[in-house]
Structures are given as C-alpha cells and as structure tokens.
C-alpha cells in the first residue's frame, strides 16, 4: 500500500479553502492508496474555542460528504483532522477515514488533550481503540499528543495494528518528537507509523514539520523537511515480517510485571 502525507501550513478558519487544497493535493497524490492530512486540517488548529464551536461538524456533515466525493472521484482513501460535534453536543478533536469508494470507515477522537489549548476547545475522547482494514492492512489511529504516551501505540499493536496513522499539529520546541519518538514507536511496536504534521506558523505557534513514515525496523521510508511537502512511502509487508522475526519486543513482554501500572 502506498501512503501519502501532506505537510502544509495551516489555513485557519477557511474550510472551503482547505477543501479546495485537499482536492488539489489529492490529485497530486494520485497513484497512492491513502492520503493522510494533519490534525484539524479542515479548520486549522490554533483557532480558539469560539471558532471551534462555530466550525465543528458532525462526522457525516457537509465537509465529510465533499471529501467523500473527492475520495471516490480520485479512487483514493483520505484521513483528515477536523472538529467533530457529537450527537450529545460535545466537541472533539477528531480524525476520520473515508475510503476510495467514498465510504466512511472510521472516526477517532483524541484521548489525551494537550495543555490549555486542547482543554479549552475539546472534550477528551473515550477509551476507544478502533482498528480498520484497508487494502489488506490493519490500521489504528492516534492524534498528535496521543503518540507521546507509549501505552497508546502498544495497545494498538497488541490488537493487531500494522500501520498507525497520526495526524499531528506538533510545534517547536517539541520537534524531537517528530525526530525520535515516531521512529521509536514504530520500532518498539513493530509496525509502521505515519506522522502527518503542519509546517510554518499559526498565531504564536511555530510548527516543526518533519512529517514521516517510520518502518518497523526504525528506518524512515519517507520524510519531509521543514517546508510544505507531499511525501509518499510504500509499505512493505516482507520488511515488517523480517523485522518482527528479528525483534521480539512483543513476544518477550511480561505483562504480569506491569499490571500494577493500571492501578496508578
């Protein structure tokens, strides 16, 4: 499976403009099977609670329908970040996967909120661990800060995830997360990790770029720099199988030694 990541400057408060450039870069990604966009791509991330409340949409809202049309027309699955207004009125920092037939396959809500910025805008997602099959691969989802808790990636790996998709809005001075943590999560969990970040500025936030697809052996099969970029990497099942045969992290775990962690 060929996976494309679009690293871009945020375009805050411009849903129509973001849909337009999604279509533009989805065209450029033609030939890939999946396009992954950053966290809160639809509206921008650092936009404040009033704007989030005004722009939040249901998972099957108007923007989702337009993205489904793009995906179906181009034969390309799309993962995008957006503010989701749930049936109970709560607003979540969410990502959604729409497949190449225009069908909504899954929706994930950020479970670990980052600082005052996230807490002022969103409710935390519930303890959900959705896995989705796409083109013969098992996919899991995290959003930005979620990846920085090793338990999140581990539980996805133990459930069978082969690729973890991580739409992100990571900023300086946390660029070491993009450089080190992404590869570490892939290596320690013996799966691919696709990390799609912003670049440039949004208000007082300076995003660190460095989007990448990390492989189970710790290598990078695709990497962006600090500027806008569309990168593509091809998942190699044999590489994953070889790495899992050589690296026994998951097999050598001793869960009985860690059970007390769940009570703290």
Foldseek 3Di string as FASTA:
>chain_A
DKEKFWAAAADAQCQVVLLVVVLVVLVVVQVGAEYEYAFQNRHDQQDFQVSLLVFAEACCDPSLQSVLVSLQVRLHKYKYWHWHQDPVRFTFGKIWIAGSNSRTFDMDGAADADPPSRVRHGDHDDPDWDWTDDPNFIETEHEAVLLVPLVNLQVNLVVPHQEYEYRYAAFPPVCVCLVPSQLVSLQLSLHKYWYHYYAQDDVPTGGFAFTFIHGNNSHTQWTDHRHTDMIMGDDDVVVSVVSCVVDPNVVPDDVVVVVCVVVD
